[in-house]
Amino acid sequence: MEGPQKKAVTPATHAPPVNSGIAWYCVRTQPKHEHIAAAHLQQTLGTDVFCPRFRTKRSTRRGPVWFTESLFPNYLFARFDLGAMLNQVKYTPGVSTVVHFGHRTPTLDDREIETLRASLLHEDLLEPVEEFAKGEDVTLANDAFYGYPAKVLQRMSSKGRIKVLMEIMGRETTIEV
């Protein structure tokens, strides 16, 4: 009697990237390493990188502190030749991988990146608007009154608060936010 037949095992081969050529690709970064990956991609590989960030103020035990965060957490956009530079990009410090679906790596059109850049006024760091003018219509974003419309009455000096006039249950009410 013959024993069970063994299947021949062949080494796995990786197919070359389906799309190649210089284009914009979405790059996944390690958590909180977007700026590090962007700097390495620009300085060591000479790639064009788009990694928009914004500044926000948060309350801490020390008081209000400014933080800089990525507009697209764990992602950035890089323009490079996929066929020639894929491995170099993937093994760049701060990079996790280049976004792909199976063997297909999607590209972004140059116009899409330019549209994003134009909407951010060609700046990679967005500064928050802190000033509210008296009489300005605003929409509240704090937990209790999220989405409610209000009118700015005055800016309070402490802790960046403002006094607003809003309608609650058919009555105009003044609150500080």
N, C-alpha and C. Protein backbone atom coordinates (compact mmCIF):
# COMPACT_ATOMS: atom_id res chain seq x y z
N MET A 1 0.83 -1.19 0.00
CA MET A 1 0.00 0.00 0.00
C MET A 1 0.86 1.24 0.00
N GLU A 2 0.41 2.19 -0.72
CA GLU A 2 1.16 3.44 -0.79
C GLU A 2 0.67 4.39 0.29
N GLY A 3 1.57 5.19 0.84
CA GLY A 3 1.21 6.18 1.85
C GLY A 3 0.55 7.38 1.20
N PRO A 4 0.08 8.30 2.02
CA PRO A 4 -0.56 9.49 1.47
C PRO A 4 0.43 10.30 0.64
N GLN A 5 -0.06 10.83 -0.44
CA GLN A 5 0.81 11.62 -1.31
C GLN A 5 1.03 12.99 -0.70
N LYS A 6 2.25 13.43 -0.81
CA LYS A 6 2.59 14.75 -0.31
C LYS A 6 2.52 15.75 -1.45
N LYS A 7 1.98 16.91 -1.15
CA LYS A 7 1.91 17.97 -2.15
C LYS A 7 3.25 18.68 -2.21
N ALA A 8 3.62 19.03 -3.40
CA ALA A 8 4.87 19.77 -3.57
C ALA A 8 4.67 21.19 -3.05
N VAL A 9 5.59 21.62 -2.25
CA VAL A 9 5.54 22.98 -1.70
C VAL A 9 6.53 23.83 -2.45
N THR A 10 6.04 24.89 -3.03
CA THR A 10 6.91 25.82 -3.74
C THR A 10 7.03 27.09 -2.93
N PRO A 11 8.18 27.71 -2.99
CA PRO A 11 8.33 28.96 -2.23
C PRO A 11 7.37 30.02 -2.74
N ALA A 12 6.85 30.82 -1.81
CA ALA A 12 5.92 31.88 -2.18
C ALA A 12 6.67 32.96 -2.93
N THR A 13 6.08 33.41 -3.98
CA THR A 13 6.67 34.51 -4.73
C THR A 13 5.73 35.70 -4.64
N HIS A 14 6.31 36.84 -4.51
CA HIS A 14 5.51 38.06 -4.43
C HIS A 14 5.42 38.67 -5.81
N ALA A 15 4.23 38.94 -6.24
CA ALA A 15 4.03 39.56 -7.54
C ALA A 15 4.51 41.00 -7.48
N PRO A 16 5.06 41.50 -8.58
CA PRO A 16 5.47 42.90 -8.59
C PRO A 16 4.26 43.80 -8.47
N PRO A 17 4.44 45.02 -8.01
CA PRO A 17 3.31 45.94 -7.91
C PRO A 17 2.62 46.08 -9.26
N VAL A 18 1.30 46.07 -9.24
CA VAL A 18 0.54 46.19 -10.48
C VAL A 18 0.75 47.56 -11.11
N ASN A 19 0.68 48.61 -10.31
CA ASN A 19 0.88 49.94 -10.86
C ASN A 19 2.26 50.45 -10.44
N SER A 20 2.93 51.06 -11.36
CA SER A 20 4.22 51.64 -11.04
C SER A 20 4.30 52.99 -11.74
N GLY A 21 5.33 53.70 -11.46
CA GLY A 21 5.47 55.05 -11.99
C GLY A 21 5.30 56.05 -10.86
N ILE A 22 5.69 57.26 -11.13
CA ILE A 22 5.61 58.30 -10.10
C ILE A 22 4.16 58.73 -9.94
N ALA A 23 3.66 58.61 -8.72
CA ALA A 23 2.28 59.00 -8.40
C ALA A 23 2.20 59.24 -6.89
N TRP A 24 1.07 59.77 -6.46
CA TRP A 24 0.81 59.96 -5.03
C TRP A 24 0.23 58.67 -4.47
N TYR A 25 0.76 58.23 -3.33
CA TYR A 25 0.28 57.02 -2.65
C TYR A 25 -0.02 57.36 -1.20
N CYS A 26 -0.93 56.61 -0.62
CA CYS A 26 -1.27 56.77 0.79
C CYS A 26 -0.35 55.85 1.59
N VAL A 27 0.34 56.41 2.57
CA VAL A 27 1.29 55.66 3.38
C VAL A 27 0.76 55.59 4.81
N ARG A 28 0.68 54.38 5.35
CA ARG A 28 0.26 54.20 6.74
C ARG A 28 1.50 54.29 7.61
N THR A 29 1.39 55.07 8.68
CA THR A 29 2.52 55.26 9.58
C THR A 29 2.28 54.56 10.90
N GLN A 30 3.32 54.47 11.69
CA GLN A 30 3.17 53.97 13.04
C GLN A 30 2.42 55.03 13.85
N PRO A 31 1.70 54.62 14.88
CA PRO A 31 0.92 55.60 15.65
C PRO A 31 1.76 56.77 16.15
N LYS A 32 1.26 57.97 15.92
CA LYS A 32 1.88 59.23 16.36
C LYS A 32 3.25 59.47 15.74
N HIS A 33 3.54 58.83 14.60
CA HIS A 33 4.84 58.99 13.93
C HIS A 33 4.71 59.61 12.55
N GLU A 34 3.59 60.27 12.26
CA GLU A 34 3.38 60.83 10.93
C GLU A 34 4.48 61.83 10.57
N HIS A 35 4.80 62.73 11.49
CA HIS A 35 5.80 63.76 11.22
C HIS A 35 7.20 63.17 11.09
N ILE A 36 7.47 62.10 11.83
CA ILE A 36 8.78 61.44 11.74
C ILE A 36 8.93 60.76 10.39
N ALA A 37 7.90 60.02 9.98
CA ALA A 37 7.93 59.34 8.69
C ALA A 37 8.05 60.36 7.55
N ALA A 38 7.30 61.45 7.64
CA ALA A 38 7.34 62.48 6.60
C ALA A 38 8.74 63.07 6.49
N ALA A 39 9.36 63.37 7.61
CA ALA A 39 10.71 63.94 7.58
C ALA A 39 11.71 62.96 6.96
N HIS A 40 11.64 61.69 7.33
CA HIS A 40 12.56 60.69 6.76
C HIS A 40 12.33 60.51 5.26
N LEU A 41 11.06 60.46 4.85
CA LEU A 41 10.77 60.30 3.42
C LEU A 41 11.30 61.48 2.61
N GLN A 42 11.17 62.69 3.15
CA GLN A 42 11.65 63.88 2.45
C GLN A 42 13.17 63.94 2.43
N GLN A 43 13.79 63.72 3.59
CA GLN A 43 15.24 63.93 3.70
C GLN A 43 16.05 62.79 3.11
N THR A 44 15.69 61.55 3.39
CA THR A 44 16.52 60.44 2.93
C THR A 44 16.17 59.96 1.53
N LEU A 45 14.88 59.99 1.17
CA LEU A 45 14.48 59.49 -0.14
C LEU A 45 14.18 60.60 -1.14
N GLY A 46 14.04 61.82 -0.65
CA GLY A 46 13.77 62.95 -1.54
C GLY A 46 12.37 62.94 -2.14
N THR A 47 11.43 62.30 -1.47
CA THR A 47 10.06 62.24 -1.98
C THR A 47 9.28 63.47 -1.58
N ASP A 48 8.29 63.81 -2.38
CA ASP A 48 7.36 64.88 -2.04
C ASP A 48 6.34 64.29 -1.07
N VAL A 49 6.12 64.94 0.06
CA VAL A 49 5.24 64.42 1.10
C VAL A 49 4.20 65.46 1.46
N PHE A 50 2.98 65.01 1.68
CA PHE A 50 1.90 65.87 2.16
C PHE A 50 1.36 65.25 3.44
N CYS A 51 1.61 65.93 4.54
CA CYS A 51 1.22 65.43 5.86
C CYS A 51 0.64 66.59 6.67
N PRO A 52 -0.61 66.97 6.40
CA PRO A 52 -1.18 68.14 7.10
C PRO A 52 -1.39 67.86 8.58
N ARG A 53 -1.11 68.88 9.39
CA ARG A 53 -1.29 68.78 10.84
C ARG A 53 -2.05 69.99 11.33
N PHE A 54 -2.57 69.90 12.55
CA PHE A 54 -3.27 71.04 13.13
C PHE A 54 -2.88 71.18 14.59
N ARG A 55 -3.04 72.39 15.08
CA ARG A 55 -2.73 72.67 16.50
C ARG A 55 -4.04 72.78 17.26
N THR A 56 -4.05 72.23 18.45
CA THR A 56 -5.22 72.32 19.30
C THR A 56 -4.78 72.53 20.74
N LYS A 57 -5.60 73.22 21.49
CA LYS A 57 -5.30 73.48 22.90
C LYS A 57 -6.15 72.56 23.75
N ARG A 58 -5.51 71.89 24.70
CA ARG A 58 -6.22 70.99 25.61
C ARG A 58 -5.91 71.36 27.05
N SER A 59 -6.88 71.09 27.90
CA SER A 59 -6.66 71.31 29.32
C SER A 59 -5.90 70.13 29.90
N THR A 60 -4.88 70.43 30.67
CA THR A 60 -4.10 69.40 31.37
C THR A 60 -3.99 69.81 32.83
N ARG A 61 -3.32 68.99 33.61
CA ARG A 61 -3.12 69.34 35.02
C ARG A 61 -2.27 70.60 35.16
N ARG A 62 -1.42 70.85 34.17
CA ARG A 62 -0.57 72.05 34.18
C ARG A 62 -1.31 73.27 33.67
N GLY A 63 -2.52 73.07 33.15
CA GLY A 63 -3.27 74.16 32.53
C GLY A 63 -3.37 73.90 31.04
N PRO A 64 -3.85 74.87 30.27
CA PRO A 64 -4.00 74.66 28.83
C PRO A 64 -2.64 74.48 28.15
N VAL A 65 -2.54 73.47 27.28
CA VAL A 65 -1.30 73.18 26.57
C VAL A 65 -1.62 72.98 25.10
N TRP A 66 -0.76 73.50 24.23
CA TRP A 66 -0.94 73.34 22.79
C TRP A 66 -0.37 71.99 22.35
N PHE A 67 -1.11 71.26 21.51
CA PHE A 67 -0.68 69.99 20.94
C PHE A 67 -0.76 70.10 19.42
N THR A 68 0.15 69.44 18.74
CA THR A 68 0.12 69.35 17.29
C THR A 68 -0.19 67.92 16.91
N GLU A 69 -1.24 67.74 16.09
CA GLU A 69 -1.68 66.41 15.71
C GLU A 69 -1.86 66.32 14.21
N SER A 70 -1.85 65.11 13.70
CA SER A 70 -2.04 64.88 12.28
C SER A 70 -3.52 65.04 11.92
N LEU A 71 -3.77 65.66 10.77
CA LEU A 71 -5.13 65.81 10.29
C LEU A 71 -5.70 64.44 9.89
N PHE A 72 -4.83 63.55 9.41
CA PHE A 72 -5.20 62.17 9.07
C PHE A 72 -4.36 61.24 9.94
N PRO A 73 -4.83 60.91 11.15
CA PRO A 73 -4.01 60.10 12.06
C PRO A 73 -3.56 58.79 11.42
N ASN A 74 -2.27 58.50 11.54
CA ASN A 74 -1.61 57.29 11.04
C ASN A 74 -1.47 57.25 9.53
N TYR A 75 -1.69 58.36 8.83
CA TYR A 75 -1.56 58.37 7.37
C TYR A 75 -0.88 59.64 6.90
N LEU A 76 -0.20 59.53 5.77
CA LEU A 76 0.34 60.67 5.05
C LEU A 76 0.33 60.31 3.57
N PHE A 77 0.59 61.28 2.73
CA PHE A 77 0.60 61.06 1.29
C PHE A 77 2.01 61.34 0.79
N ALA A 78 2.52 60.43 -0.05
CA ALA A 78 3.87 60.59 -0.59
C ALA A 78 3.84 60.34 -2.09
N ARG A 79 4.68 61.08 -2.81
CA ARG A 79 4.76 60.96 -4.28
C ARG A 79 6.10 60.31 -4.61
N PHE A 80 6.03 59.10 -5.18
CA PHE A 80 7.26 58.38 -5.51
C PHE A 80 6.97 57.34 -6.58
N ASP A 81 8.03 56.72 -7.11
CA ASP A 81 7.92 55.67 -8.11
C ASP A 81 7.74 54.35 -7.37
N LEU A 82 6.56 53.79 -7.43
CA LEU A 82 6.23 52.58 -6.68
C LEU A 82 7.14 51.41 -7.04
N GLY A 83 7.36 51.18 -8.33
CA GLY A 83 8.19 50.05 -8.76
C GLY A 83 9.61 50.15 -8.27
N ALA A 84 10.16 51.36 -8.24
CA ALA A 84 11.55 51.53 -7.87
C ALA A 84 11.78 51.74 -6.37
N MET A 85 10.78 52.29 -5.67
CA MET A 85 11.03 52.72 -4.29
C MET A 85 10.13 52.07 -3.24
N LEU A 86 9.31 51.11 -3.60
CA LEU A 86 8.35 50.55 -2.64
C LEU A 86 9.04 50.04 -1.37
N ASN A 87 10.07 49.23 -1.52
CA ASN A 87 10.74 48.68 -0.32
C ASN A 87 11.42 49.76 0.50
N GLN A 88 12.03 50.75 -0.17
CA GLN A 88 12.66 51.83 0.57
C GLN A 88 11.64 52.61 1.39
N VAL A 89 10.47 52.86 0.81
CA VAL A 89 9.42 53.59 1.52
C VAL A 89 8.89 52.75 2.68
N LYS A 90 8.62 51.46 2.43
CA LYS A 90 8.06 50.60 3.48
C LYS A 90 8.98 50.46 4.68
N TYR A 91 10.29 50.52 4.45
CA TYR A 91 11.24 50.34 5.55
C TYR A 91 11.82 51.64 6.06
N THR A 92 11.17 52.74 5.75
CA THR A 92 11.56 54.05 6.27
C THR A 92 11.11 54.15 7.73
N PRO A 93 11.95 54.69 8.62
CA PRO A 93 11.54 54.83 10.03
C PRO A 93 10.22 55.61 10.14
N GLY A 94 9.30 55.07 10.93
CA GLY A 94 8.00 55.69 11.15
C GLY A 94 6.92 55.17 10.22
N VAL A 95 7.29 54.49 9.13
CA VAL A 95 6.32 53.97 8.17
C VAL A 95 5.93 52.56 8.56
N SER A 96 4.64 52.27 8.49
CA SER A 96 4.14 50.93 8.73
C SER A 96 4.03 50.17 7.41
N THR A 97 3.37 50.76 6.43
CA THR A 97 3.22 50.15 5.11
C THR A 97 2.67 51.16 4.13
N VAL A 98 2.69 50.80 2.87
CA VAL A 98 2.01 51.59 1.84
C VAL A 98 0.65 50.94 1.66
N VAL A 99 -0.40 51.74 1.69
CA VAL A 99 -1.76 51.20 1.61
C VAL A 99 -1.94 50.45 0.29
N HIS A 100 -2.43 49.22 0.41
CA HIS A 100 -2.65 48.38 -0.77
C HIS A 100 -3.83 47.45 -0.54
N PHE A 101 -4.38 46.95 -1.61
CA PHE A 101 -5.49 46.00 -1.57
C PHE A 101 -5.06 44.81 -2.40
N GLY A 102 -4.60 43.77 -1.73
CA GLY A 102 -4.03 42.63 -2.44
C GLY A 102 -2.75 43.09 -3.11
N HIS A 103 -2.66 42.91 -4.42
CA HIS A 103 -1.48 43.34 -5.17
C HIS A 103 -1.70 44.69 -5.83
N ARG A 104 -2.82 45.35 -5.55
CA ARG A 104 -3.12 46.66 -6.14
C ARG A 104 -2.87 47.76 -5.12
N THR A 105 -2.07 48.72 -5.51
CA THR A 105 -1.79 49.87 -4.66
C THR A 105 -2.46 51.09 -5.28
N PRO A 106 -3.51 51.61 -4.64
CA PRO A 106 -4.23 52.73 -5.24
C PRO A 106 -3.38 54.01 -5.25
N THR A 107 -3.62 54.82 -6.26
CA THR A 107 -2.93 56.10 -6.38
C THR A 107 -3.93 57.22 -6.17
N LEU A 108 -3.40 58.38 -5.88
CA LEU A 108 -4.22 59.59 -5.80
C LEU A 108 -3.81 60.49 -6.93
N ASP A 109 -4.77 61.11 -7.56
CA ASP A 109 -4.51 62.02 -8.65
C ASP A 109 -3.83 63.28 -8.12
N ASP A 110 -2.94 63.86 -8.90
CA ASP A 110 -2.27 65.11 -8.50
C ASP A 110 -3.28 66.19 -8.15
N ARG A 111 -4.38 66.23 -8.90
CA ARG A 111 -5.41 67.25 -8.64
C ARG A 111 -6.04 67.09 -7.25
N GLU A 112 -6.19 65.83 -6.79
CA GLU A 112 -6.77 65.60 -5.47
C GLU A 112 -5.87 66.17 -4.36
N ILE A 113 -4.58 65.94 -4.49
CA ILE A 113 -3.64 66.48 -3.50
C ILE A 113 -3.62 68.00 -3.58
N GLU A 114 -3.61 68.55 -4.78
CA GLU A 114 -3.62 70.01 -4.92
C GLU A 114 -4.89 70.62 -4.36
N THR A 115 -6.03 69.93 -4.52
CA THR A 115 -7.29 70.41 -3.95
C THR A 115 -7.20 70.42 -2.43
N LEU A 116 -6.65 69.36 -1.86
CA LEU A 116 -6.46 69.32 -0.40
C LEU A 116 -5.54 70.44 0.06
N ARG A 117 -4.43 70.60 -0.63
CA ARG A 117 -3.47 71.65 -0.26
C ARG A 117 -4.11 73.04 -0.38
N ALA A 118 -4.89 73.25 -1.43
CA ALA A 118 -5.55 74.54 -1.62
C ALA A 118 -6.55 74.81 -0.51
N SER A 119 -7.27 73.77 -0.08
CA SER A 119 -8.25 73.97 0.99
C SER A 119 -7.57 74.27 2.31
N LEU A 120 -6.30 73.91 2.44
CA LEU A 120 -5.55 74.20 3.66
C LEU A 120 -4.66 75.42 3.48
N LEU A 121 -4.90 76.18 2.39
CA LEU A 121 -4.16 77.41 2.09
C LEU A 121 -2.66 77.14 1.93
N HIS A 122 -2.31 75.98 1.39
CA HIS A 122 -0.93 75.57 1.12
C HIS A 122 -0.06 75.54 2.37
N GLU A 123 -0.67 75.37 3.52
CA GLU A 123 0.09 75.25 4.75
C GLU A 123 -0.12 73.85 5.31
N ASP A 124 0.95 73.24 5.80
CA ASP A 124 0.82 71.90 6.36
C ASP A 124 0.48 71.92 7.85
N LEU A 125 0.43 73.11 8.46
CA LEU A 125 0.07 73.21 9.87
C LEU A 125 -1.07 74.20 10.01
N LEU A 126 -2.24 73.72 10.38
CA LEU A 126 -3.41 74.57 10.54
C LEU A 126 -3.41 75.18 11.93
N GLU A 127 -3.59 76.47 11.99
CA GLU A 127 -3.69 77.19 13.27
C GLU A 127 -5.15 77.39 13.59
N PRO A 128 -5.56 77.15 14.82
CA PRO A 128 -6.97 77.34 15.17
C PRO A 128 -7.34 78.82 15.20
N VAL A 129 -8.60 79.07 14.92
CA VAL A 129 -9.11 80.43 15.03
C VAL A 129 -9.56 80.63 16.47
N GLU A 130 -8.89 81.52 17.17
CA GLU A 130 -9.19 81.74 18.58
C GLU A 130 -10.09 82.93 18.81
N GLU A 131 -10.07 83.89 17.92
CA GLU A 131 -10.79 85.12 18.13
C GLU A 131 -12.25 85.01 17.68
N PHE A 132 -13.14 85.42 18.55
CA PHE A 132 -14.55 85.48 18.22
C PHE A 132 -14.98 86.93 18.35
N ALA A 133 -15.60 87.43 17.32
CA ALA A 133 -16.03 88.82 17.33
C ALA A 133 -17.40 88.94 18.01
N LYS A 134 -17.61 90.06 18.70
CA LYS A 134 -18.89 90.32 19.34
C LYS A 134 -19.97 90.36 18.27
N GLY A 135 -21.06 89.63 18.51
CA GLY A 135 -22.17 89.57 17.57
C GLY A 135 -22.04 88.46 16.53
N GLU A 136 -20.91 87.75 16.52
CA GLU A 136 -20.68 86.67 15.55
C GLU A 136 -21.58 85.48 15.87
N ASP A 137 -22.17 84.89 14.83
CA ASP A 137 -22.97 83.68 15.00
C ASP A 137 -22.03 82.48 15.03
N VAL A 138 -22.19 81.61 16.02
CA VAL A 138 -21.35 80.43 16.17
C VAL A 138 -22.23 79.21 16.41
N THR A 139 -21.66 78.04 16.24
CA THR A 139 -22.31 76.79 16.60
C THR A 139 -21.49 76.16 17.71
N LEU A 140 -22.13 75.85 18.81
CA LEU A 140 -21.42 75.34 19.98
C LEU A 140 -20.93 73.91 19.74
N ALA A 141 -19.76 73.62 20.31
CA ALA A 141 -19.16 72.30 20.12
C ALA A 141 -18.85 71.63 21.45
N ASN A 142 -19.35 72.17 22.57
CA ASN A 142 -19.10 71.48 23.83
C ASN A 142 -20.18 70.43 24.06
N ASP A 143 -19.95 69.53 24.99
CA ASP A 143 -20.81 68.36 25.16
C ASP A 143 -22.28 68.68 25.40
N ALA A 144 -22.57 69.56 26.32
CA ALA A 144 -23.96 69.79 26.71
C ALA A 144 -24.79 70.46 25.62
N PHE A 145 -24.19 71.36 24.86
CA PHE A 145 -24.94 72.13 23.87
C PHE A 145 -24.43 71.90 22.45
N TYR A 146 -23.88 70.74 22.17
CA TYR A 146 -23.28 70.45 20.87
C TYR A 146 -24.28 70.69 19.74
N GLY A 147 -23.86 71.51 18.77
CA GLY A 147 -24.68 71.77 17.59
C GLY A 147 -25.66 72.91 17.73
N TYR A 148 -25.81 73.48 18.91
CA TYR A 148 -26.75 74.59 19.10
C TYR A 148 -26.17 75.89 18.55
N PRO A 149 -26.99 76.69 17.86
CA PRO A 149 -26.52 78.00 17.40
C PRO A 149 -26.53 78.99 18.56
N ALA A 150 -25.60 79.97 18.51
CA ALA A 150 -25.52 80.99 19.55
C ALA A 150 -24.90 82.24 18.94
N LYS A 151 -24.98 83.34 19.70
CA LYS A 151 -24.39 84.61 19.27
C LYS A 151 -23.41 85.05 20.35
N VAL A 152 -22.20 85.42 19.93
CA VAL A 152 -21.15 85.82 20.86
C VAL A 152 -21.51 87.18 21.46
N LEU A 153 -21.50 87.25 22.79
CA LEU A 153 -21.74 88.52 23.48
C LEU A 153 -20.43 89.19 23.87
N GLN A 154 -19.51 88.41 24.45
CA GLN A 154 -18.22 88.97 24.82
C GLN A 154 -17.22 87.85 25.06
N ARG A 155 -15.95 88.19 24.94
CA ARG A 155 -14.88 87.24 25.21
C ARG A 155 -14.46 87.41 26.67
N MET A 156 -14.40 86.29 27.37
CA MET A 156 -13.99 86.31 28.77
C MET A 156 -12.46 86.19 28.81
N SER A 157 -11.82 86.84 29.74
CA SER A 157 -10.36 86.85 29.77
C SER A 157 -9.76 85.53 30.26
N SER A 158 -10.45 84.82 31.10
CA SER A 158 -9.84 83.63 31.70
C SER A 158 -10.14 82.37 30.90
N LYS A 159 -9.13 81.58 30.66
CA LYS A 159 -9.24 80.24 30.08
C LYS A 159 -9.89 80.20 28.70
N GLY A 160 -9.83 81.26 27.94
CA GLY A 160 -10.35 81.26 26.58
C GLY A 160 -11.85 81.06 26.47
N ARG A 161 -12.58 81.49 27.47
CA ARG A 161 -14.04 81.32 27.46
C ARG A 161 -14.71 82.52 26.82
N ILE A 162 -15.93 82.28 26.32
CA ILE A 162 -16.73 83.37 25.76
C ILE A 162 -18.13 83.30 26.35
N LYS A 163 -18.79 84.43 26.36
CA LYS A 163 -20.18 84.50 26.81
C LYS A 163 -21.04 84.57 25.56
N VAL A 164 -22.02 83.66 25.47
CA VAL A 164 -22.88 83.60 24.29
C VAL A 164 -24.34 83.72 24.70
N LEU A 165 -25.14 84.13 23.72
CA LEU A 165 -26.58 84.23 23.90
C LEU A 165 -27.19 83.15 23.02
N MET A 166 -28.00 82.28 23.65
CA MET A 166 -28.64 81.23 22.87
C MET A 166 -30.07 81.04 23.33
N GLU A 167 -30.84 80.42 22.47
CA GLU A 167 -32.24 80.18 22.80
C GLU A 167 -32.39 78.78 23.37
N ILE A 168 -32.93 78.71 24.59
CA ILE A 168 -33.20 77.43 25.24
C ILE A 168 -34.66 77.42 25.64
N MET A 169 -35.42 76.48 25.12
CA MET A 169 -36.84 76.32 25.42
C MET A 169 -37.62 77.61 25.19
N GLY A 170 -37.33 78.26 24.04
CA GLY A 170 -38.08 79.44 23.65
C GLY A 170 -37.66 80.72 24.36
N ARG A 171 -36.58 80.68 25.13
CA ARG A 171 -36.13 81.82 25.89
C ARG A 171 -34.66 82.10 25.63
N GLU A 172 -34.27 83.35 25.46
CA GLU A 172 -32.87 83.66 25.25
C GLU A 172 -32.15 83.62 26.59
N THR A 173 -31.03 82.89 26.61
CA THR A 173 -30.27 82.66 27.84
C THR A 173 -28.79 82.96 27.58
N THR A 174 -28.14 83.58 28.54
CA THR A 174 -26.71 83.87 28.45
C THR A 174 -25.95 82.77 29.19
N ILE A 175 -24.95 82.19 28.50
CA ILE A 175 -24.12 81.17 29.15
C ILE A 175 -22.66 81.42 28.79
N GLU A 176 -21.75 80.86 29.57
CA GLU A 176 -20.32 80.93 29.29
C GLU A 176 -19.86 79.56 28.80
N VAL A 177 -19.09 79.57 27.73
CA VAL A 177 -18.54 78.31 27.21
C VAL A 177 -17.06 78.49 26.95
